[in-house]
Structures are given as C-alpha cells and as structure tokens.
C-alpha atoms as a PDB file:
ATOM      1  CA  UNK A   1      67.231  -4.242  99.502  1.00  0.00           C
ATOM      2  CA  UNK A   2      64.072  -2.212  99.518  1.00  0.00           C
ATOM      3  CA  UNK A   3      64.922  -0.738  96.083  1.00  0.00           C
ATOM      4  CA  UNK A   4      65.330  -4.231  94.661  1.00  0.00           C
ATOM      5  CA  UNK A   5      61.915  -5.277  95.883  1.00  0.00           C
ATOM      6  CA  UNK A   6      60.365  -2.164  94.481  1.00  0.00           C
ATOM      7  CA  UNK A   7      61.928  -2.792  91.081  1.00  0.00           C
ATOM      8  CA  UNK A   8      60.844  -6.430  91.151  1.00  0.00           C
ATOM      9  CA  UNK A   9      57.267  -5.352  91.878  1.00  0.00           C
ATOM     10  CA  UNK A  10      57.377  -2.863  89.005  1.00  0.00           C
ATOM     11  CA  UNK A  11      58.770  -5.512  86.707  1.00  0.00           C
ATOM     12  CA  UNK A  12      56.045  -7.937  87.694  1.00  0.00           C
ATOM     13  CA  UNK A  13      53.377  -5.270  87.131  1.00  0.00           C
ATOM     14  CA  UNK A  14      54.778  -4.393  83.679  1.00  0.00           C
ATOM     15  CA  UNK A  15      54.970  -8.047  82.713  1.00  0.00           C
ATOM     16  CA  UNK A  16      51.347  -8.474  83.708  1.00  0.00           C
ATOM     17  CA  UNK A  17      50.390  -5.356  81.728  1.00  0.00           C
ATOM     18  CA  UNK A  18      52.397  -6.567  78.723  1.00  0.00           C
ATOM     19  CA  UNK A  19      50.626  -9.933  78.748  1.00  0.00           C
ATOM     20  CA  UNK A  20      47.269  -8.188  78.826  1.00  0.00           C
ATOM     21  CA  UNK A  21      48.284  -5.943  75.908  1.00  0.00           C
ATOM     22  CA  UNK A  22      49.434  -8.983  73.951  1.00  0.00           C
ATOM     23  CA  UNK A  23      46.045 -10.571  74.467  1.00  0.00           C
ATOM     24  CA  UNK A  24      44.327  -7.362  73.327  1.00  0.00           C
ATOM     25  CA  UNK A  25      46.613  -7.057  70.266  1.00  0.00           C
ATOM     26  CA  UNK A  26      46.045 -10.723  69.383  1.00  0.00           C
ATOM     27  CA  UNK A  27      42.284 -10.300  69.630  1.00  0.00           C
ATOM     28  CA  UNK A  28      42.398  -7.117  67.561  1.00  0.00           C
ATOM     29  CA  UNK A  29      44.632  -8.816  64.971  1.00  0.00           C
ATOM     30  CA  UNK A  30      42.185 -11.719  64.768  1.00  0.00           C
ATOM     31  CA  UNK A  31      39.259  -9.337  64.488  1.00  0.00           C
ATOM     32  CA  UNK A  32      41.084  -7.330  61.784  1.00  0.00           C
ATOM     33  CA  UNK A  33      41.721 -10.507  59.794  1.00  0.00           C
ATOM     34  CA  UNK A  34      38.025 -11.418  60.029  1.00  0.00           C
ATOM     35  CA  UNK A  35      37.017  -7.933  58.920  1.00  0.00           C
ATOM     36  CA  UNK A  36      39.403  -8.103  55.936  1.00  0.00           C
ATOM     37  CA  UNK A  37      37.852 -11.418  54.909  1.00  0.00           C
ATOM     38  CA  UNK A  38      34.382  -9.860  55.165  1.00  0.00           C
ATOM     39  CA  UNK A  39      35.502  -6.854  53.082  1.00  0.00           C
ATOM     40  CA  UNK A  40      37.016  -9.169  50.441  1.00  0.00           C
ATOM     41  CA  UNK A  41      33.784 -11.180  50.294  1.00  0.00           C
ATOM     42  CA  UNK A  42      31.735  -7.984  49.963  1.00  0.00           C
ATOM     43  CA  UNK A  43      34.033  -6.724  47.173  1.00  0.00           C
ATOM     44  CA  UNK A  44      33.610 -10.009  45.312  1.00  0.00           C
ATOM     45  CA  UNK A  45      29.848  -9.813  45.693  1.00  0.00           C
ATOM     46  CA  UNK A  46      29.891  -6.190  44.500  1.00  0.00           C
ATOM     47  CA  UNK A  47      31.812  -7.191  41.365  1.00  0.00           C
ATOM     48  CA  UNK A  48      29.328  -9.970  40.664  1.00  0.00           C
ATOM     49  CA  UNK A  49      26.412  -7.575  41.168  1.00  0.00           C
ATOM     50  CA  UNK A  50      28.014  -5.036  38.810  1.00  0.00           C
ATOM     51  CA  UNK A  51      28.375  -7.716  36.139  1.00  0.00           C
ATOM     52  CA  UNK A  52      24.794  -8.848  36.692  1.00  0.00           C
ATOM     53  CA  UNK A  53      23.648  -5.217  36.477  1.00  0.00           C
ATOM     54  CA  UNK A  54      25.494  -4.743  33.172  1.00  0.00           C
ATOM     55  CA  UNK A  55      23.909  -7.934  31.843  1.00  0.00           C
ATOM     56  CA  UNK A  56      20.457  -6.760  32.896  1.00  0.00           C
ATOM     57  CA  UNK A  57      21.032  -3.328  31.358  1.00  0.00           C
ATOM     58  CA  UNK A  58      22.093  -4.925  28.069  1.00  0.00           C
ATOM     59  CA  UNK A  59      19.067  -7.220  28.152  1.00  0.00           C
ATOM     60  CA  UNK A  60      16.846  -4.211  28.896  1.00  0.00           C
ATOM     61  CA  UNK A  61      18.315  -2.406  25.873  1.00  0.00           C
ATOM     62  CA  UNK A  62      17.718  -5.429  23.620  1.00  0.00           C
ATOM     63  CA  UNK A  63      14.156  -5.843  24.898  1.00  0.00           C
ATOM     64  CA  UNK A  64      13.482  -2.135  24.377  1.00  0.00           C
ATOM     65  CA  UNK A  65      14.698  -2.321  20.779  1.00  0.00           C
ATOM     66  CA  UNK A  66      12.583  -5.436  20.198  1.00  0.00           C
ATOM     67  CA  UNK A  67       9.556  -3.691  21.675  1.00  0.00           C
ATOM     68  CA  UNK A  68      10.026  -0.666  19.407  1.00  0.00           C
ATOM     69  CA  UNK A  69      10.414  -2.946  16.363  1.00  0.00           C
ATOM     70  CA  UNK A  70       7.362  -5.028  17.282  1.00  0.00           C
ATOM     71  CA  UNK A  71       5.355  -1.862  17.906  1.00  0.00           C
ATOM     72  CA  UNK A  72       6.328  -0.588  14.457  1.00  0.00           C
ATOM     73  CA  UNK A  73       5.366  -3.921  12.876  1.00  0.00           C
ATOM     74  CA  UNK A  74       2.071  -3.848  14.784  1.00  0.00           C
ATOM     75  CA  UNK A  75       1.264  -0.396  13.398  1.00  0.00           C
ATOM     76  CA  UNK A  76       2.059  -1.597   9.873  1.00  0.00           C
ATOM     77  CA  UNK A  77      -0.065  -4.700  10.387  1.00  0.00           C
ATOM     78  CA  UNK A  78      -2.968  -2.583  11.684  1.00  0.00           C
ATOM     79  CA  UNK A  79      -2.741  -0.264   8.674  1.00  0.00           C
ATOM     80  CA  UNK A  80      -2.646  -3.273   6.324  1.00  0.00           C
ATOM     81  CA  UNK A  81      -5.685  -4.782   8.056  1.00  0.00           C
ATOM     82  CA  UNK A  82      -7.578  -1.481   7.755  1.00  0.00           C
ATOM     83  CA  UNK A  83      -6.618  -1.197   4.103  1.00  0.00           C
ATOM     84  CA  UNK A  84      -7.637  -4.811   3.399  1.00  0.00           C
ATOM     85  CA  UNK A  85     -10.945  -4.297   5.213  1.00  0.00           C
ATOM     86  CA  UNK A  86     -11.629  -1.256   3.040  1.00  0.00           C
ATOM     87  CA  UNK A  87     -10.674  -3.190  -0.074  1.00  0.00           C
ATOM     88  CA  UNK A  88     -12.869  -6.079   1.019  1.00  0.00           C
ATOM     89  CA  UNK A  89     -15.848  -3.760   1.370  1.00  0.00           C
ATOM     90  CA  UNK A  90     -15.117  -2.266  -2.056  1.00  0.00           C
ATOM     91  CA  UNK A  91     -14.811  -5.729  -3.583  1.00  0.00           C
ATOM     92  CA  UNK A  92     -18.117  -6.751  -2.021  1.00  0.00           C
ATOM     93  CA  UNK A  93     -19.832  -3.721  -3.519  1.00  0.00           C
ATOM     94  CA  UNK A  94     -18.133  -4.329  -6.838  1.00  0.00           C
ATOM     95  CA  UNK A  95     -19.323  -7.939  -6.763  1.00  0.00           C
ATOM     96  CA  UNK A  96     -22.893  -6.792  -6.303  1.00  0.00           C
ATOM     97  CA  UNK A  97     -22.444  -4.298  -9.114  1.00  0.00           C
ATOM     98  CA  UNK A  98     -20.835  -6.973 -11.303  1.00  0.00           C
ATOM     99  CA  UNK A  99     -23.807  -9.264 -10.793  1.00  0.00           C
ATOM    100  CA  UNK A 100     -26.080  -6.424 -11.813  1.00  0.00           C
ATOM    101  CA  UNK A 101     -23.885  -5.687 -14.816  1.00  0.00           C
ATOM    102  CA  UNK A 102     -23.997  -9.353 -15.875  1.00  0.00           C
ATOM    103  CA  UNK A 103     -27.783  -9.278 -15.863  1.00  0.00           C
ATOM    104  CA  UNK A 104     -27.793  -5.966 -17.729  1.00  0.00           C
ATOM    105  CA  UNK A 105     -25.294  -7.236 -20.298  1.00  0.00           C
ATOM    106  CA  UNK A 106     -27.357 -10.360 -20.891  1.00  0.00           C
ATOM    107  CA  UNK A 107     -30.341  -8.149 -21.569  1.00  0.00           C
ATOM    108  CA  UNK A 108     -28.355  -5.839 -23.824  1.00  0.00           C
ATOM    109  CA  UNK A 109     -26.772  -8.731 -25.726  1.00  0.00           C
ATOM    110  CA  UNK A 110     -30.233 -10.157 -26.313  1.00  0.00           C
ATOM    111  CA  UNK A 111     -31.374  -6.771 -27.621  1.00  0.00           C
ATOM    112  CA  UNK A 112     -28.446  -6.265 -29.972  1.00  0.00           C
ATOM    113  CA  UNK A 113     -29.444  -6.085 -33.610  1.00  0.00           C
ATOM    114  CA  UNK A 114     -26.152  -7.562 -34.703  1.00  0.00           C
ATOM    115  CA  UNK A 115     -25.978 -11.312 -35.084  1.00  0.00           C
ATOM    116  CA  UNK A 116     -24.378 -13.256 -32.189  1.00  0.00           C
ATOM    117  CA  UNK A 117     -21.689 -14.522 -34.508  1.00  0.00           C
ATOM    118  CA  UNK A 118     -20.798 -11.087 -35.906  1.00  0.00           C
ATOM    119  CA  UNK A 119     -17.155 -10.079 -36.031  1.00  0.00           C
ATOM    120  CA  UNK A 120     -17.596  -7.028 -33.799  1.00  0.00           C
ATOM    121  CA  UNK A 121     -19.280  -8.982 -30.997  1.00  0.00           C
ATOM    122  CA  UNK A 122     -16.630 -11.684 -31.192  1.00  0.00           C
ATOM    123  CA  UNK A 123     -13.904  -9.056 -30.972  1.00  0.00           C
ATOM    124  CA  UNK A 124     -15.604  -7.521 -27.934  1.00  0.00           C
ATOM    125  CA  UNK A 125     -15.898 -10.877 -26.150  1.00  0.00           C
ATOM    126  CA  UNK A 126     -12.310 -11.855 -26.936  1.00  0.00           C
ATOM    127  CA  UNK A 127     -10.991  -8.477 -25.820  1.00  0.00           C
ATOM    128  CA  UNK A 128     -12.974  -8.613 -22.580  1.00  0.00           C
ATOM    129  CA  UNK A 129     -11.474 -12.031 -21.846  1.00  0.00           C
ATOM    130  CA  UNK A 130      -7.949 -10.803 -22.528  1.00  0.00           C
ATOM    131  CA  UNK A 131      -8.471  -7.703 -20.366  1.00  0.00           C
ATOM    132  CA  UNK A 132      -9.864  -9.791 -17.498  1.00  0.00           C
ATOM    133  CA  UNK A 133      -6.882 -12.145 -17.747  1.00  0.00           C
ATOM    134  CA  UNK A 134      -4.398  -9.242 -17.717  1.00  0.00           C
ATOM    135  CA  UNK A 135      -6.168  -7.596 -14.784  1.00  0.00           C
ATOM    136  CA  UNK A 136      -5.946 -10.850 -12.811  1.00  0.00           C
ATOM    137  CA  UNK A 137      -2.246 -11.241 -13.631  1.00  0.00           C
ATOM    138  CA  UNK A 138      -1.475  -7.647 -12.584  1.00  0.00           C
ATOM    139  CA  UNK A 139      -3.449  -7.734  -9.335  1.00  0.00           C
ATOM    140  CA  UNK A 140      -1.459  -6.585  -6.285  1.00  0.00           C
ATOM    141  CA  UNK A 141      -1.555  -9.314  -3.576  1.00  0.00           C
ATOM    142  CA  UNK A 142      -1.764  -6.691  -0.806  1.00  0.00           C
ATOM    143  CA  UNK A 143      -4.319  -4.053  -1.891  1.00  0.00           C
ATOM    144  CA  UNK A 144      -5.892  -6.123  -4.728  1.00  0.00           C
ATOM    145  CA  UNK A 145      -5.749  -3.245  -7.215  1.00  0.00           C
ATOM    146  CA  UNK A 146      -4.416  -3.485 -10.753  1.00  0.00           C
ATOM    147  CA  UNK A 147      -0.712  -2.603 -10.754  1.00  0.00           C
ATOM    148  CA  UNK A 148       0.544   0.187 -12.989  1.00  0.00           C
ATOM    149  CA  UNK A 149       4.167   1.235 -13.632  1.00  0.00           C
ATOM    150  CA  UNK A 150       6.366   1.292 -11.683  1.00  0.00           C
ATOM    151  CA  UNK A 151       5.753  -2.347 -10.677  1.00  0.00           C
ATOM    152  CA  UNK A 152       8.169  -4.014  -8.247  1.00  0.00           C
ATOM    153  CA  UNK A 153       9.101  -7.663  -7.735  1.00  0.00           C
ATOM    154  CA  UNK A 154      10.742 -10.007  -5.241  1.00  0.00           C
ATOM    155  CA  UNK A 155      13.616 -12.404  -6.120  1.00  0.00           C
ATOM    156  CA  UNK A 156      10.956 -15.000  -7.110  1.00  0.00           C
ATOM    157  CA  UNK A 157       9.219 -12.641  -9.594  1.00  0.00           C
ATOM    158  CA  UNK A 158       6.106 -12.024  -7.455  1.00  0.00           C
ATOM    159  CA  UNK A 159       4.858  -8.528  -8.281  1.00  0.00           C
ATOM    160  CA  UNK A 160       3.597  -5.788  -5.939  1.00  0.00           C
ATOM    161  CA  UNK A 161       2.317  -2.276  -6.713  1.00  0.00           C
ATOM    162  CA  UNK A 162       4.258   0.942  -6.098  1.00  0.00           C
ATOM    163  CA  UNK A 163       1.846   2.003  -3.325  1.00  0.00           C
ATOM    164  CA  UNK A 164       2.363  -1.094  -1.149  1.00  0.00           C
ATOM    165  CA  UNK A 165       6.085  -1.802  -1.862  1.00  0.00           C
ATOM    166  CA  UNK A 166       7.545   0.969   0.399  1.00  0.00           C
ATOM    167  CA  UNK A 167       5.609  -0.482   3.366  1.00  0.00           C
ATOM    168  CA  UNK A 168       6.874  -4.060   2.914  1.00  0.00           C
ATOM    169  CA  UNK A 169      10.131  -5.758   3.858  1.00  0.00           C
ATOM    170  CA  UNK A 170       9.198  -9.286   2.732  1.00  0.00           C
ATOM    171  CA  UNK A 171       7.216 -10.629  -0.219  1.00  0.00           C
ATOM    172  CA  UNK A 172       3.538 -11.250   0.705  1.00  0.00           C
ATOM    173  CA  UNK A 173       3.516 -14.312  -1.581  1.00  0.00           C
ATOM    174  CA  UNK A 174       6.703 -16.256  -0.730  1.00  0.00           C
ATOM    175  CA  UNK A 175       7.990 -14.262   2.307  1.00  0.00           C
ATOM    176  CA  UNK A 176      11.337 -13.675   0.603  1.00  0.00           C
ATOM    177  CA  UNK A 177      13.322 -10.688   1.893  1.00  0.00           C
ATOM    178  CA  UNK A 178      13.207  -7.718  -0.473  1.00  0.00           C
ATOM    179  CA  UNK A 179      16.517  -6.300   0.727  1.00  0.00           C
ATOM    180  CA  UNK A 180      17.392  -2.653   0.314  1.00  0.00           C
ATOM    181  CA  UNK A 181      16.990  -2.532  -3.476  1.00  0.00           C
ATOM    182  CA  UNK A 182      13.544  -1.952  -5.056  1.00  0.00           C
ATOM    183  CA  UNK A 183      13.695  -4.201  -8.134  1.00  0.00           C
ATOM    184  CA  UNK A 184      11.373  -3.303 -11.040  1.00  0.00           C
ATOM    185  CA  UNK A 185       9.369  -6.017 -12.854  1.00  0.00           C
ATOM    186  CA  UNK A 186       9.948  -5.027 -16.514  1.00  0.00           C
ATOM    187  CA  UNK A 187       7.737  -7.736 -18.009  1.00  0.00           C
ATOM    188  CA  UNK A 188       4.845  -6.778 -15.723  1.00  0.00           C
ATOM    189  CA  UNK A 189       5.243  -3.136 -16.728  1.00  0.00           C
ATOM    190  CA  UNK A 190       5.089  -4.204 -20.380  1.00  0.00           C
ATOM    191  CA  UNK A 191       1.897  -6.149 -19.650  1.00  0.00           C
ATOM    192  CA  UNK A 192       0.473  -3.085 -17.852  1.00  0.00           C
ATOM    193  CA  UNK A 193       1.064  -0.925 -20.929  1.00  0.00           C
ATOM    194  CA  UNK A 194      -0.550  -3.579 -23.124  1.00  0.00           C
ATOM    195  CA  UNK A 195      -3.508  -3.659 -20.704  1.00  0.00           C
ATOM    196  CA  UNK A 196      -3.933   0.106 -21.059  1.00  0.00           C
ATOM    197  CA  UNK A 197      -4.061  -0.185 -24.833  1.00  0.00           C
ATOM    198  CA  UNK A 198      -6.559  -3.066 -24.647  1.00  0.00           C
ATOM    199  CA  UNK A 199      -8.737  -1.084 -22.231  1.00  0.00           C
ATOM    200  CA  UNK A 200      -8.775   1.858 -24.623  1.00  0.00           C
ATOM    201  CA  UNK A 201      -9.789  -0.439 -27.478  1.00  0.00           C
ATOM    202  CA  UNK A 202     -12.434  -2.077 -25.271  1.00  0.00           C
ATOM    203  CA  UNK A 203     -13.825   1.346 -24.374  1.00  0.00           C
ATOM    204  CA  UNK A 204     -14.041   2.251 -28.041  1.00  0.00           C
ATOM    205  CA  UNK A 205     -15.920  -0.946 -28.902  1.00  0.00           C
ATOM    206  CA  UNK A 206     -18.290  -0.541 -25.962  1.00  0.00           C
ATOM    207  CA  UNK A 207     -18.958   3.089 -26.858  1.00  0.00           C
ATOM    208  CA  UNK A 208     -19.883   2.061 -30.394  1.00  0.00           C
ATOM    209  CA  UNK A 209     -22.235  -0.652 -29.140  1.00  0.00           C
ATOM    210  CA  UNK A 210     -23.775   1.678 -26.549  1.00  0.00           C
ATOM    211  CA  UNK A 211     -24.400   4.375 -29.183  1.00  0.00           C
ATOM    212  CA  UNK A 212     -26.206   1.871 -31.372  1.00  0.00           C
ATOM    213  CA  UNK A 213     -28.363   0.566 -28.533  1.00  0.00           C
ATOM    214  CA  UNK A 214     -29.404   4.019 -27.320  1.00  0.00           C
ATOM    215  CA  UNK A 215     -30.134   5.318 -30.788  1.00  0.00           C
ATOM    216  CA  UNK A 216     -32.227   2.260 -31.640  1.00  0.00           C
ATOM    217  CA  UNK A 217     -34.082   2.455 -28.314  1.00  0.00           C
ATOM    218  CA  UNK A 218     -35.014   6.133 -28.846  1.00  0.00           C
ATOM    219  CA  UNK A 219     -35.444   5.944 -32.600  1.00  0.00           C
ATOM    220  CA  UNK A 220     -33.065   8.894 -32.943  1.00  0.00           C
ATOM    221  CA  UNK A 221     -31.653   9.500 -36.375  1.00  0.00           C
ATOM    222  CA  UNK A 222     -28.254  11.186 -36.430  1.00  0.00           C
ATOM    223  CA  UNK A 223     -27.661  13.607 -39.254  1.00  0.00           C
ATOM    224  CA  UNK A 224     -24.501  13.149 -41.320  1.00  0.00           C
ATOM    225  CA  UNK A 225     -23.150  16.662 -40.660  1.00  0.00           C
ATOM    226  CA  UNK A 226     -23.125  16.253 -36.864  1.00  0.00           C
ATOM    227  CA  UNK A 227     -19.682  14.585 -36.797  1.00  0.00           C
ATOM    228  CA  UNK A 228     -17.795  15.696 -39.922  1.00  0.00           C
ATOM    229  CA  UNK A 229     -15.701  13.038 -41.589  1.00  0.00           C
ATOM    230  CA  UNK A 230     -17.140  10.111 -39.574  1.00  0.00           C
ATOM    231  CA  UNK A 231     -18.786   7.345 -41.681  1.00  0.00           C
ATOM    232  CA  UNK A 232     -22.402   6.364 -41.013  1.00  0.00           C
ATOM    233  CA  UNK A 233     -23.662   2.818 -40.497  1.00  0.00           C
ATOM    234  CA  UNK A 234     -27.398   3.062 -41.187  1.00  0.00           C
ATOM    235  CA  UNK A 235     -28.816   5.386 -38.555  1.00  0.00           C
ATOM    236  CA  UNK A 236     -25.842   4.978 -36.232  1.00  0.00           C
ATOM    237  CA  UNK A 237     -22.589   6.922 -36.281  1.00  0.00           C
ATOM    238  CA  UNK A 238     -19.381   4.869 -36.082  1.00  0.00           C
ATOM    239  CA  UNK A 239     -17.601   7.210 -33.621  1.00  0.00           C
ATOM    240  CA  UNK A 240     -14.918   6.882 -30.972  1.00  0.00           C
ATOM    241  CA  UNK A 241     -14.785   8.622 -27.578  1.00  0.00           C
ATOM    242  CA  UNK A 242     -12.048  10.880 -28.991  1.00  0.00           C
ATOM    243  CA  UNK A 243     -14.340  12.042 -31.840  1.00  0.00           C
ATOM    244  CA  UNK A 244     -17.209  12.496 -29.403  1.00  0.00           C
ATOM    245  CA  UNK A 245     -15.077  14.839 -27.302  1.00  0.00           C
ATOM    246  CA  UNK A 246     -13.963  16.752 -30.392  1.00  0.00           C
ATOM    247  CA  UNK A 247     -17.576  17.262 -31.515  1.00  0.00           C
ATOM    248  CA  UNK A 248     -19.505  17.497 -28.209  1.00  0.00           C
ATOM    249  CA  UNK A 249     -23.067  17.322 -29.505  1.00  0.00           C
ATOM    250  CA  UNK A 250     -23.793  13.793 -28.332  1.00  0.00           C
ATOM    251  CA  UNK A 251     -26.628  14.007 -25.730  1.00  0.00           C
ATOM    252  CA  UNK A 252     -24.838  11.376 -23.574  1.00  0.00           C
ATOM    253  CA  UNK A 253     -21.748  13.527 -23.088  1.00  0.00           C
ATOM    254  CA  UNK A 254     -21.308  15.199 -19.715  1.00  0.00           C
ATOM    255  CA  UNK A 255     -18.907  17.569 -17.991  1.00  0.00           C
ATOM    256  CA  UNK A 256     -17.082  16.561 -14.815  1.00  0.00           C
ATOM    257  CA  UNK A 257     -14.682  18.667 -12.791  1.00  0.00           C
ATOM    258  CA  UNK A 258     -11.296  17.429 -11.606  1.00  0.00           C
ATOM    259  CA  UNK A 259      -9.629  19.274  -8.748  1.00  0.00           C
ATOM    260  CA  UNK A 260      -5.864  19.170  -9.279  1.00  0.00           C
ATOM    261  CA  UNK A 261      -3.585  18.366  -6.380  1.00  0.00           C
ATOM    262  CA  UNK A 262      -2.731  21.816  -4.971  1.00  0.00           C
ATOM    263  CA  UNK A 263      -4.054  23.364  -8.171  1.00  0.00           C
ATOM    264  CA  UNK A 264      -7.162  24.663  -9.945  1.00  0.00           C
ATOM    265  CA  UNK A 265     -10.258  22.760 -11.098  1.00  0.00           C
ATOM    266  CA  UNK A 266     -10.156  21.312 -14.626  1.00  0.00           C
ATOM    267  CA  UNK A 267     -13.367  20.580 -16.551  1.00  0.00           C
ATOM    268  CA  UNK A 268     -13.334  17.453 -18.755  1.00  0.00           C
ATOM    269  CA  UNK A 269     -15.954  16.255 -21.227  1.00  0.00           C
ATOM    270  CA  UNK A 270     -16.612  12.518 -20.924  1.00  0.00           C
ATOM    271  CA  UNK A 271     -19.213   9.804 -21.381  1.00  0.00           C
ATOM    272  CA  UNK A 272     -20.487   7.452 -18.664  1.00  0.00           C
ATOM    273  CA  UNK A 273     -18.858   4.501 -20.469  1.00  0.00           C
ATOM    274  CA  UNK A 274     -15.387   6.084 -20.403  1.00  0.00           C
ATOM    275  CA  UNK A 275     -12.948   4.258 -18.137  1.00  0.00           C
ATOM    276  CA  UNK A 276     -10.802   5.842 -15.452  1.00  0.00           C
ATOM    277  CA  UNK A 277      -7.806   5.219 -17.734  1.00  0.00           C
ATOM    278  CA  UNK A 278      -9.504   7.284 -20.484  1.00  0.00           C
ATOM    279  CA  UNK A 279     -10.015  10.032 -17.911  1.00  0.00           C
ATOM    280  CA  UNK A 280      -6.307   9.892 -17.039  1.00  0.00           C
ATOM    281  CA  UNK A 281      -5.290  10.245 -20.688  1.00  0.00           C
ATOM    282  CA  UNK A 282      -7.629  13.205 -21.187  1.00  0.00           C
ATOM    283  CA  UNK A 283      -6.328  14.813 -17.983  1.00  0.00           C
ATOM    284  CA  UNK A 284      -2.771  14.280 -19.256  1.00  0.00           C
ATOM    285  CA  UNK A 285      -3.605  16.134 -22.490  1.00  0.00           C
ATOM    286  CA  UNK A 286      -4.878  19.135 -20.508  1.00  0.00           C
ATOM    287  CA  UNK A 287      -2.363  19.331 -17.639  1.00  0.00           C
ATOM    288  CA  UNK A 288       0.658  17.409 -19.055  1.00  0.00           C
ATOM    289  CA  UNK A 289       0.771  15.247 -15.896  1.00  0.00           C
ATOM    290  CA  UNK A 290       1.857  11.676 -16.922  1.00  0.00           C
ATOM    291  CA  UNK A 291      -1.144   9.345 -16.836  1.00  0.00           C
ATOM    292  CA  UNK A 292       0.894   6.571 -15.176  1.00  0.00           C
ATOM    293  CA  UNK A 293       1.773   8.804 -12.211  1.00  0.00           C
ATOM    294  CA  UNK A 294      -1.672  10.142 -11.288  1.00  0.00           C
ATOM    295  CA  UNK A 295      -4.765   8.702  -9.629  1.00  0.00           C
ATOM    296  CA  UNK A 296      -8.298   9.919  -8.940  1.00  0.00           C
ATOM    297  CA  UNK A 297     -10.401   9.845  -5.758  1.00  0.00           C
ATOM    298  CA  UNK A 298     -14.187  10.033  -5.517  1.00  0.00           C
ATOM    299  CA  UNK A 299     -16.157   9.815  -2.265  1.00  0.00           C
ATOM    300  CA  UNK A 300     -13.066   8.592  -0.409  1.00  0.00           C
ATOM    301  CA  UNK A 301     -12.350   5.748  -2.865  1.00  0.00           C
ATOM    302  CA  UNK A 302      -9.462   5.447  -5.294  1.00  0.00           C
ATOM    303  CA  UNK A 303     -10.771   4.895  -8.827  1.00  0.00           C
ATOM    304  CA  UNK A 304      -9.440   1.769 -10.557  1.00  0.00           C
ATOM    305  CA  UNK A 305      -8.251   2.204 -14.119  1.00  0.00           C
ATOM    306  CA  UNK A 306     -10.356  -0.571 -15.655  1.00  0.00           C
ATOM    307  CA  UNK A 307     -13.659   0.676 -14.218  1.00  0.00           C
ATOM    308  CA  UNK A 308     -16.066   2.993 -16.041  1.00  0.00           C
ATOM    309  CA  UNK A 309     -17.361   6.295 -14.680  1.00  0.00           C
ATOM    310  CA  UNK A 310     -20.913   4.948 -14.482  1.00  0.00           C
ATOM    311  CA  UNK A 311     -19.600   2.138 -12.250  1.00  0.00           C
ATOM    312  CA  UNK A 312     -18.725   4.766  -9.607  1.00  0.00           C
ATOM    313  CA  UNK A 313     -21.990   6.670 -10.304  1.00  0.00           C
ATOM    314  CA  UNK A 314     -20.050   9.726 -11.495  1.00  0.00           C
ATOM    315  CA  UNK A 315     -22.548  12.120 -13.052  1.00  0.00           C
ATOM    316  CA  UNK A 316     -22.463  15.522 -14.716  1.00  0.00           C
ATOM    317  CA  UNK A 317     -20.792  18.315 -12.692  1.00  0.00           C
ATOM    318  CA  UNK A 318     -19.331  15.774 -10.252  1.00  0.00           C
ATOM    319  CA  UNK A 319     -16.060  16.825  -8.602  1.00  0.00           C
ATOM    320  CA  UNK A 320     -13.257  14.233  -8.714  1.00  0.00           C
ATOM    321  CA  UNK A 321     -10.008  14.779  -6.795  1.00  0.00           C
ATOM    322  CA  UNK A 322      -6.611  14.110  -8.401  1.00  0.00           C
ATOM    323  CA  UNK A 323      -3.549  12.758  -6.589  1.00  0.00           C
ATOM    324  CA  UNK A 324      -0.208  11.143  -7.392  1.00  0.00           C
ATOM    325  CA  UNK A 325       0.775   7.468  -7.168  1.00  0.00           C
END
C-alpha cells in the first residue's frame, strides 16, 4: 500500500514536470518561429540592399565616366576659347594695320604715274579682289586662318583646317558628327593651290609697282647691266622677286634668318613686300621641305600665307622660327 502511494506521488510529480516542460518547449518553439521570421525578413532586406548597392555602384561608374568626358570637353573648350581670344587680338591688330594700309594705298595710288585705267593697275585690282574672295572662302571657322592642304570637310561640305580638325568631333558650322574618318575636301584643296598661284602673281605685280614708286621718289636711275637679260621700262626695271633674289643688288633686299625645326639656321634673301607664301617657296628650294607642310612663327604668332613680311614688321637679320603644320 505504501509503495503504491509512493509511485502515485512520483507519477504526479513527473506529470507536473512534464507539463512545465511542454510549456517551456511551446514557448521556445514559438520564439524560434518568431526568430526565423525575423531572420527571413533581414535576409530579404539584405538582398534588396545588395541590389540597391549594385545600382548605386553602376550609377557611380556612369557618373564618373560622364565627369571625365565633360572634363575633357571643358579642357578642349578652354583651349578653343584661348585660341579664339588670341586670334581675335591678332584680327584687331590686323584691322588697325589694314586701315593704315588702305590710307597708304590711297596715297600710293594717287602718286602712281600710270593712268588709273591702265591695264596693269586693272590687273592688280582684279587680282586683289579674286585673292580676297578666295581667302574668305578658305577661312577656317575655328581659328580664322586661311586653310592650306590638307583641308578636311564634314558631310555637308563645310571645310576646316588640318590644325583644328584633330581637336573636333562635330562640325563647327552645322554640328554634324565627323565620325572616325577624316574626309578631305578636294575642291577646297584645288582652290587653295589656285590661291597660292594668285598670291605669287599678286606679289610680282606689287613688287613691280613698288620698285617704280621707290625709284621715282628717289630719282634713282638703274643701269641696264645691273640685272642682265631683264628689259627696262624707262628708268624702272621690270623685275620679279625671283630675279631680284638671283641678282641681289637691289637696295631694298634684306637677309632674314630662319631657324629650322630641330635644325640649323638658314639665311634667305627677301624683300619687305614678299609674302609668307613666297618665303615658304624659297625655304622649300633650300631645304626641300614641302611648302604646304611648313609654317613660320615670329614673336609668338603664326605667319599667315597671304600677309607680307612688312606686315609683321620683319626686318633685316630677323630670326623667324620654322615648324610643321
């Protein structure tokens, strides 16, 4: 009897303990379920954050590339602005010089002994008009210099010089995309060669007129044997700049020195009325460098082909620097 009571008490105690453990297990199971839900929610949030991070990283990469591109375009724009400012200052000075030249030419035309309707004066005026028209047609819209071969074009036939073309991706006139191919404007190059020939002829005519004016102003009589084989016209020799260089006894001739690019100094005999293009041709004869591929610098300025040496105030023994286009 006593053993039965003892066992009943033990059973009751174990049942009570079992019920308590069930409550604990149920609470722990509920808590575990809650924790799993929290972990699942955190995993979902982590995935969303990873995707957002990838999106932000991609956007950062795109913005970085855009910033680099815009920075490059800004540098190009700054260089273009600096170049245009320099060209503007040069054009302003050239305008002042042109106004002075107009006044001087009016005075010289009035002092000419030839009649206003003479054939030579008419040829000079017509040639000057044609040269001015060609120069305007071949003007680069970026640097405002006269284009020389090679001359490039956009799909709409707007020309640009070889110096500015490598720095451009779109046409400055119509904003058309150049693409990867640098297309050459053959007709413009033909016009540039014609302009060079007209400038040489214009230089020859001006040199003849200048020789007459100076000789008449000084009363100097030129002897026939000074330039062999050149016909006389009264007291004035009918000579060309080429003959003047061949027989350098003209008092208006002068020597200038050209420092070659990474080379020695070359001495050339010229006149103040010679153009930069004449200087290029003479330099080509001495050094065999193609005239269309070289350029000259004086006092930090690039010399334009249609300008004369006296325009840039280049005097005897002046040093001019040579470069390549």
